[in-house]
Amino acid sequence: MLDAAQLENSKSMSIIVTKGSLDWAYPPFILASTAASMDLEVTMFFTFYGLPLLKKEMNPKFTTVGNAAMEMPMMGTHIAMPNIVGVLPGVGAMAGTMMKNLMAKKGVAPLEDLREACVELDVRMIACQMTMDLFEYSPEDMIDGIELGGAATYIETASKSDINLFI
């Protein structure tokens, strides 16, 4: 627990998490867990397509379409996947598997471990109530320890944060 002097000097960060695909799920959890480990107070607000990252059974998909910057290291070089290939059935799943294998090979923590680290580091995770209602999720679908809130809840936090990120 922080004492009064530490609280006075503490920094805070808020992150709006709006996307839930595999490649978009990593940055908010990496940044949140890193900031929390550096004693920043961190709040994550999960809304729209980012909300499924709070589901007990998290299964983010990977998409290559619209991701022209994606280059995979293959055969001693980097190969970009043309968007037209991404629309073929099964390519997204194949690319997702390749990405997960590459991450494991390079020692990148699985997404579930990063989320658990955030829980253990007391990162405040807010599920957008409007999005919960819109997509018909119930609190029972979500991991334990989250709170429900709306835009006003996030704005109240963000207005007091030193760092605000939109991911």
C-alpha atoms as a PDB file:
ATOM      1  CA  MET A   1       0.000   0.000   0.000  1.00  0.00           C
ATOM      2  CA  LEU A   2       1.275   3.481  -0.872  1.00  0.00           C
ATOM      3  CA  ASP A   3       1.837   5.970   1.922  1.00  0.00           C
ATOM      4  CA  ALA A   4       0.710   9.618   1.707  1.00  0.00           C
ATOM      5  CA  ALA A   5       4.002  10.873   0.203  1.00  0.00           C
ATOM      6  CA  GLN A   6       3.935   8.191  -2.466  1.00  0.00           C
ATOM      7  CA  LEU A   7       0.296   8.915  -3.314  1.00  0.00           C
ATOM      8  CA  GLU A   8       1.088  12.599  -3.715  1.00  0.00           C
ATOM      9  CA  ASN A   9       3.827  11.777  -6.204  1.00  0.00           C
ATOM     10  CA  SER A  10       2.074   8.860  -7.918  1.00  0.00           C
ATOM     11  CA  LYS A  11       1.356   8.925 -11.622  1.00  0.00           C
ATOM     12  CA  SER A  12      -1.652   7.455 -13.372  1.00  0.00           C
ATOM     13  CA  MET A  13      -2.528   6.149 -16.793  1.00  0.00           C
ATOM     14  CA  SER A  14      -5.814   5.361 -18.497  1.00  0.00           C
ATOM     15  CA  ILE A  15      -6.319   3.286 -21.617  1.00  0.00           C
ATOM     16  CA  ILE A  16      -9.418   2.987 -23.780  1.00  0.00           C
ATOM     17  CA  VAL A  17      -9.393  -0.523 -25.276  1.00  0.00           C
ATOM     18  CA  THR A  18     -11.538  -0.551 -28.421  1.00  0.00           C
ATOM     19  CA  LYS A  19     -10.248  -3.507 -30.408  1.00  0.00           C
ATOM     20  CA  GLY A  20     -10.092  -7.175 -29.548  1.00  0.00           C
ATOM     21  CA  SER A  21      -8.181  -8.844 -32.366  1.00  0.00           C
ATOM     22  CA  LEU A  22      -4.979 -10.647 -31.394  1.00  0.00           C
ATOM     23  CA  ASP A  23      -2.636  -7.936 -32.694  1.00  0.00           C
ATOM     24  CA  TRP A  24      -4.643  -5.126 -31.060  1.00  0.00           C
ATOM     25  CA  ALA A  25      -5.062  -6.960 -27.738  1.00  0.00           C
ATOM     26  CA  TYR A  26      -1.379  -7.093 -26.858  1.00  0.00           C
ATOM     27  CA  PRO A  27      -0.501  -3.358 -26.664  1.00  0.00           C
ATOM     28  CA  PRO A  28      -3.008  -2.348 -23.960  1.00  0.00           C
ATOM     29  CA  PHE A  29      -2.161  -5.322 -21.728  1.00  0.00           C
ATOM     30  CA  ILE A  30       1.595  -4.882 -22.209  1.00  0.00           C
ATOM     31  CA  LEU A  31       1.412  -1.153 -21.481  1.00  0.00           C
ATOM     32  CA  ALA A  32      -0.967  -1.564 -18.540  1.00  0.00           C
ATOM     33  CA  SER A  33       1.046  -4.323 -16.860  1.00  0.00           C
ATOM     34  CA  THR A  34       4.312  -2.456 -17.417  1.00  0.00           C
ATOM     35  CA  ALA A  35       2.935   0.818 -16.050  1.00  0.00           C
ATOM     36  CA  ALA A  36       1.372  -0.924 -13.039  1.00  0.00           C
ATOM     37  CA  SER A  37       4.678  -2.673 -12.300  1.00  0.00           C
ATOM     38  CA  MET A  38       6.263   0.791 -12.299  1.00  0.00           C
ATOM     39  CA  ASP A  39       3.754   1.886  -9.616  1.00  0.00           C
ATOM     40  CA  LEU A  40       1.436   3.862 -11.867  1.00  0.00           C
ATOM     41  CA  GLU A  41      -2.261   3.648 -11.105  1.00  0.00           C
ATOM     42  CA  VAL A  42      -3.732   2.146 -14.276  1.00  0.00           C
ATOM     43  CA  THR A  43      -7.317   2.089 -15.505  1.00  0.00           C
ATOM     44  CA  MET A  44      -8.414   0.236 -18.628  1.00  0.00           C
ATOM     45  CA  PHE A  45     -11.824   0.993 -20.157  1.00  0.00           C
ATOM     46  CA  PHE A  46     -13.006  -1.807 -22.467  1.00  0.00           C
ATOM     47  CA  THR A  47     -15.604  -0.778 -25.014  1.00  0.00           C
ATOM     48  CA  PHE A  48     -17.058  -2.057 -28.288  1.00  0.00           C
ATOM     49  CA  TYR A  49     -14.779  -4.697 -29.846  1.00  0.00           C
ATOM     50  CA  GLY A  50     -12.294  -4.486 -26.983  1.00  0.00           C
ATOM     51  CA  LEU A  51     -14.887  -5.738 -24.496  1.00  0.00           C
ATOM     52  CA  PRO A  52     -14.476  -9.468 -25.368  1.00  0.00           C
ATOM     53  CA  LEU A  53     -10.940  -9.258 -23.961  1.00  0.00           C
ATOM     54  CA  LEU A  54     -12.597  -9.348 -20.540  1.00  0.00           C
ATOM     55  CA  LYS A  55     -14.553 -12.532 -21.253  1.00  0.00           C
ATOM     56  CA  LYS A  56     -13.613 -15.572 -19.167  1.00  0.00           C
ATOM     57  CA  GLU A  57     -12.995 -17.470 -22.382  1.00  0.00           C
ATOM     58  CA  MET A  58     -10.872 -15.059 -24.387  1.00  0.00           C
ATOM     59  CA  ASN A  59     -10.279 -16.138 -27.991  1.00  0.00           C
ATOM     60  CA  PRO A  60      -9.113 -13.149 -30.039  1.00  0.00           C
ATOM     61  CA  LYS A  61      -8.996 -13.626 -33.779  1.00  0.00           C
ATOM     62  CA  PHE A  62      -6.246 -12.407 -36.062  1.00  0.00           C
ATOM     63  CA  THR A  63      -6.959 -10.497 -39.231  1.00  0.00           C
ATOM     64  CA  THR A  64      -4.598  -9.760 -42.062  1.00  0.00           C
ATOM     65  CA  VAL A  65      -7.059  -7.656 -44.069  1.00  0.00           C
ATOM     66  CA  GLY A  66      -6.272  -3.962 -43.795  1.00  0.00           C
ATOM     67  CA  ASN A  67      -2.960  -4.666 -42.093  1.00  0.00           C
ATOM     68  CA  ALA A  68      -0.579  -3.776 -44.886  1.00  0.00           C
ATOM     69  CA  ALA A  69       2.283  -3.254 -42.440  1.00  0.00           C
ATOM     70  CA  MET A  70       2.253  -6.881 -41.326  1.00  0.00           C
ATOM     71  CA  GLU A  71       5.448  -8.598 -42.387  1.00  0.00           C
ATOM     72  CA  MET A  72       6.316 -12.036 -41.064  1.00  0.00           C
ATOM     73  CA  PRO A  73       9.923 -13.199 -40.854  1.00  0.00           C
ATOM     74  CA  MET A  74      10.151 -16.132 -43.264  1.00  0.00           C
ATOM     75  CA  MET A  75      12.936 -17.759 -45.216  1.00  0.00           C
ATOM     76  CA  GLY A  76      15.549 -15.261 -44.030  1.00  0.00           C
ATOM     77  CA  THR A  77      13.536 -12.204 -45.060  1.00  0.00           C
ATOM     78  CA  HIS A  78      10.278 -10.431 -44.233  1.00  0.00           C
ATOM     79  CA  ILE A  79       7.240 -11.275 -46.312  1.00  0.00           C
ATOM     80  CA  ALA A  80       4.168  -9.053 -46.391  1.00  0.00           C
ATOM     81  CA  MET A  81       0.773 -10.620 -46.943  1.00  0.00           C
ATOM     82  CA  PRO A  82      -1.282  -8.890 -49.636  1.00  0.00           C
ATOM     83  CA  ASN A  83      -4.813  -7.958 -48.543  1.00  0.00           C
ATOM     84  CA  ILE A  84      -6.304 -10.092 -51.315  1.00  0.00           C
ATOM     85  CA  VAL A  85      -4.797 -13.212 -49.694  1.00  0.00           C
ATOM     86  CA  GLY A  86      -6.354 -12.280 -46.356  1.00  0.00           C
ATOM     87  CA  VAL A  87      -9.884 -12.678 -47.669  1.00  0.00           C
ATOM     88  CA  LEU A  88      -9.350 -16.345 -48.557  1.00  0.00           C
ATOM     89  CA  PRO A  89     -11.035 -18.784 -46.147  1.00  0.00           C
ATOM     90  CA  GLY A  90      -8.735 -19.967 -43.371  1.00  0.00           C
ATOM     91  CA  VAL A  91      -5.953 -17.465 -44.017  1.00  0.00           C
ATOM     92  CA  GLY A  92      -6.757 -15.405 -40.905  1.00  0.00           C
ATOM     93  CA  ALA A  93      -6.659 -18.519 -38.706  1.00  0.00           C
ATOM     94  CA  MET A  94      -3.413 -19.657 -40.327  1.00  0.00           C
ATOM     95  CA  ALA A  95      -1.809 -16.235 -39.884  1.00  0.00           C
ATOM     96  CA  GLY A  96      -3.007 -16.131 -36.270  1.00  0.00           C
ATOM     97  CA  THR A  97      -1.426 -19.512 -35.598  1.00  0.00           C
ATOM     98  CA  MET A  98       1.808 -18.345 -37.227  1.00  0.00           C
ATOM     99  CA  MET A  99       1.774 -15.202 -35.073  1.00  0.00           C
ATOM    100  CA  LYS A 100       1.139 -17.166 -31.865  1.00  0.00           C
ATOM    101  CA  ASN A 101       3.943 -19.606 -32.745  1.00  0.00           C
ATOM    102  CA  LEU A 102       6.337 -16.741 -33.480  1.00  0.00           C
ATOM    103  CA  MET A 103       5.445 -15.050 -30.194  1.00  0.00           C
ATOM    104  CA  ALA A 104       6.006 -18.280 -28.256  1.00  0.00           C
ATOM    105  CA  LYS A 105       9.334 -18.822 -30.039  1.00  0.00           C
ATOM    106  CA  LYS A 106      10.438 -15.271 -29.170  1.00  0.00           C
ATOM    107  CA  GLY A 107       9.302 -15.555 -25.541  1.00  0.00           C
ATOM    108  CA  VAL A 108       6.358 -13.164 -25.724  1.00  0.00           C
ATOM    109  CA  ALA A 109       3.932 -13.876 -22.893  1.00  0.00           C
ATOM    110  CA  PRO A 110       0.558 -15.302 -23.879  1.00  0.00           C
ATOM    111  CA  LEU A 111      -2.269 -12.776 -23.812  1.00  0.00           C
ATOM    112  CA  GLU A 112      -3.973 -14.613 -20.943  1.00  0.00           C
ATOM    113  CA  ASP A 113      -0.819 -14.254 -18.832  1.00  0.00           C
ATOM    114  CA  LEU A 114      -0.633 -10.525 -19.530  1.00  0.00           C
ATOM    115  CA  ARG A 115      -4.279 -10.092 -18.555  1.00  0.00           C
ATOM    116  CA  GLU A 116      -3.675 -12.090 -15.367  1.00  0.00           C
ATOM    117  CA  ALA A 117      -0.644  -9.902 -14.589  1.00  0.00           C
ATOM    118  CA  CYS A 118      -2.899  -6.855 -14.875  1.00  0.00           C
ATOM    119  CA  VAL A 119      -5.348  -8.439 -12.428  1.00  0.00           C
ATOM    120  CA  GLU A 120      -2.542  -9.279  -9.997  1.00  0.00           C
ATOM    121  CA  LEU A 121      -1.118  -5.749 -10.300  1.00  0.00           C
ATOM    122  CA  ASP A 122      -4.518  -4.254  -9.387  1.00  0.00           C
ATOM    123  CA  VAL A 123      -5.131  -2.617 -12.752  1.00  0.00           C
ATOM    124  CA  ARG A 124      -8.635  -1.196 -12.654  1.00  0.00           C
ATOM    125  CA  MET A 125     -10.627  -2.763 -15.501  1.00  0.00           C
ATOM    126  CA  ILE A 126     -13.939  -1.195 -16.469  1.00  0.00           C
ATOM    127  CA  ALA A 127     -16.357  -2.924 -18.822  1.00  0.00           C
ATOM    128  CA  CYS A 128     -18.487  -0.439 -20.733  1.00  0.00           C
ATOM    129  CA  GLN A 129     -22.062  -0.960 -19.562  1.00  0.00           C
ATOM    130  CA  MET A 130     -23.544   0.323 -22.831  1.00  0.00           C
ATOM    131  CA  THR A 131     -21.447  -2.153 -24.819  1.00  0.00           C
ATOM    132  CA  MET A 132     -22.377  -4.958 -22.416  1.00  0.00           C
ATOM    133  CA  ASP A 133     -26.042  -4.176 -23.096  1.00  0.00           C
ATOM    134  CA  LEU A 134     -25.540  -3.678 -26.833  1.00  0.00           C
ATOM    135  CA  PHE A 135     -23.828  -7.040 -27.376  1.00  0.00           C
ATOM    136  CA  GLU A 136     -25.929  -8.798 -24.709  1.00  0.00           C
ATOM    137  CA  TYR A 137     -23.082  -9.832 -22.419  1.00  0.00           C
ATOM    138  CA  SER A 138     -23.720 -10.477 -18.749  1.00  0.00           C
ATOM    139  CA  PRO A 139     -21.315  -9.929 -15.854  1.00  0.00           C
ATOM    140  CA  GLU A 140     -21.141 -13.735 -15.530  1.00  0.00           C
ATOM    141  CA  ASP A 141     -19.478 -13.854 -18.990  1.00  0.00           C
ATOM    142  CA  MET A 142     -16.609 -11.712 -17.728  1.00  0.00           C
ATOM    143  CA  ILE A 143     -13.587 -12.361 -15.516  1.00  0.00           C
ATOM    144  CA  ASP A 144     -13.886 -11.619 -11.817  1.00  0.00           C
ATOM    145  CA  GLY A 145     -12.814  -8.281 -10.422  1.00  0.00           C
ATOM    146  CA  ILE A 146     -13.960  -5.959 -13.187  1.00  0.00           C
ATOM    147  CA  GLU A 147     -16.352  -3.104 -12.697  1.00  0.00           C
ATOM    148  CA  LEU A 148     -19.143  -1.854 -14.915  1.00  0.00           C
ATOM    149  CA  GLY A 149     -19.238   1.781 -15.942  1.00  0.00           C
ATOM    150  CA  GLY A 150     -19.995   4.126 -18.730  1.00  0.00           C
ATOM    151  CA  ALA A 151     -18.350   6.974 -20.547  1.00  0.00           C
ATOM    152  CA  ALA A 152     -18.735   9.266 -17.539  1.00  0.00           C
ATOM    153  CA  THR A 153     -16.847   6.776 -15.360  1.00  0.00           C
ATOM    154  CA  TYR A 154     -13.984   6.701 -17.823  1.00  0.00           C
ATOM    155  CA  ILE A 155     -13.935  10.470 -18.375  1.00  0.00           C
ATOM    156  CA  GLU A 156     -13.826  11.081 -14.634  1.00  0.00           C
ATOM    157  CA  THR A 157     -10.714   8.879 -14.462  1.00  0.00           C
ATOM    158  CA  ALA A 158      -9.126  10.173 -17.666  1.00  0.00           C
ATOM    159  CA  SER A 159      -9.522  13.797 -16.599  1.00  0.00           C
ATOM    160  CA  LYS A 160      -7.296  13.046 -13.594  1.00  0.00           C
ATOM    161  CA  SER A 161      -4.767  10.825 -15.404  1.00  0.00           C
ATOM    162  CA  ASP A 162      -1.264  11.871 -16.363  1.00  0.00           C
ATOM    163  CA  ILE A 163      -1.264   9.612 -19.426  1.00  0.00           C
ATOM    164  CA  ASN A 164      -4.308   8.787 -21.609  1.00  0.00           C
ATOM    165  CA  LEU A 165      -4.084   6.247 -24.429  1.00  0.00           C
ATOM    166  CA  PHE A 166      -6.602   5.200 -27.090  1.00  0.00           C
ATOM    167  CA  ILE A 167      -5.900   1.727 -28.445  1.00  0.00           C
END
